[in-house]
Amino acid sequence: METGYRNQETGKKGKIEKFEDLEVWKKSVRLSIQVYDELKNCKDYGLRDQIQRSAVSVPSNPVK
């Protein structure tokens, strides 16, 4: 069985040494940033804060 991952930008194989190497984690960080940008002018503070917290929870809680 093959271990490691293939970098989507370079196509090269690499070794997963930490969760930050995972493409799914990188995508979740980018999504969190997009959520914050989209909601920066939202005046419904309760809704905005709840959505922002949920967007950040994915990259903040990696499975060990």
Protein backbone atom coordinates (compact mmCIF):
# COMPACT_ATOMS: atom_id res chain seq x y z
CA MET A 1 0.00 0.00 0.00
CA GLU A 2 1.25 3.47 -0.89
CA THR A 3 1.71 5.97 1.92
CA GLY A 4 1.90 9.71 1.58
CA TYR A 5 0.07 12.13 -0.64
CA ARG A 6 0.35 13.85 -4.00
CA ASN A 7 0.65 17.64 -3.96
CA GLN A 8 -2.16 19.03 -6.10
CA GLU A 9 -0.12 22.03 -7.28
CA THR A 10 3.14 20.26 -8.18
CA GLY A 11 1.91 16.70 -8.67
CA LYS A 12 4.86 15.43 -6.62
CA LYS A 13 4.51 12.77 -3.98
CA GLY A 14 5.27 13.70 -0.41
CA LYS A 15 5.10 12.29 3.07
CA ILE A 16 2.41 13.34 5.51
CA GLU A 17 4.27 14.35 8.63
CA LYS A 18 1.68 16.63 10.21
CA PHE A 19 -1.96 17.48 9.68
CA GLU A 20 -1.00 20.75 7.97
CA ASP A 21 0.25 18.63 5.06
CA LEU A 22 -3.27 17.38 4.32
CA GLU A 23 -5.01 19.05 1.38
CA VAL A 24 -8.37 18.80 3.16
CA TRP A 25 -6.98 20.85 6.06
CA LYS A 26 -5.57 23.48 3.68
CA LYS A 27 -8.95 23.73 1.93
CA SER A 28 -10.77 24.09 5.25
CA VAL A 29 -8.50 27.01 6.21
CA ARG A 30 -9.18 28.73 2.87
CA LEU A 31 -12.92 28.17 3.36
CA SER A 32 -12.78 29.71 6.85
CA ILE A 33 -11.08 32.79 5.43
CA GLN A 34 -13.74 33.07 2.72
CA VAL A 35 -16.53 32.80 5.31
CA TYR A 36 -14.97 35.61 7.37
CA ASP A 37 -14.60 37.79 4.26
CA GLU A 38 -18.19 37.20 3.15
CA LEU A 39 -19.65 38.01 6.56
CA LYS A 40 -17.50 41.00 7.50
CA ASN A 41 -20.34 43.47 6.83
CA CYS A 42 -23.16 41.35 8.26
CA LYS A 43 -25.12 43.30 10.89
CA ASP A 44 -26.78 40.19 12.39
CA TYR A 45 -23.96 39.71 14.87
CA GLY A 46 -25.33 36.55 16.49
CA LEU A 47 -25.70 34.74 13.18
CA ARG A 48 -22.37 36.02 11.89
CA ASP A 49 -20.49 34.95 15.00
CA GLN A 50 -22.07 31.49 15.02
CA ILE A 51 -21.25 30.84 11.36
CA GLN A 52 -17.70 32.12 11.76
CA ARG A 53 -17.11 29.93 14.82
CA SER A 54 -18.39 26.85 12.99
CA ALA A 55 -16.19 27.62 9.95
CA VAL A 56 -13.10 27.84 12.18
CA SER A 57 -13.91 24.66 14.11
CA VAL A 58 -13.02 22.34 11.21
CA PRO A 59 -9.37 23.33 10.76
CA SER A 60 -8.98 23.93 14.50
CA ASN A 61 -9.91 20.38 15.55
CA PRO A 62 -7.93 17.85 13.52
CA VAL A 63 -8.52 14.18 14.25
CA LYS A 64 -5.62 12.58 16.08
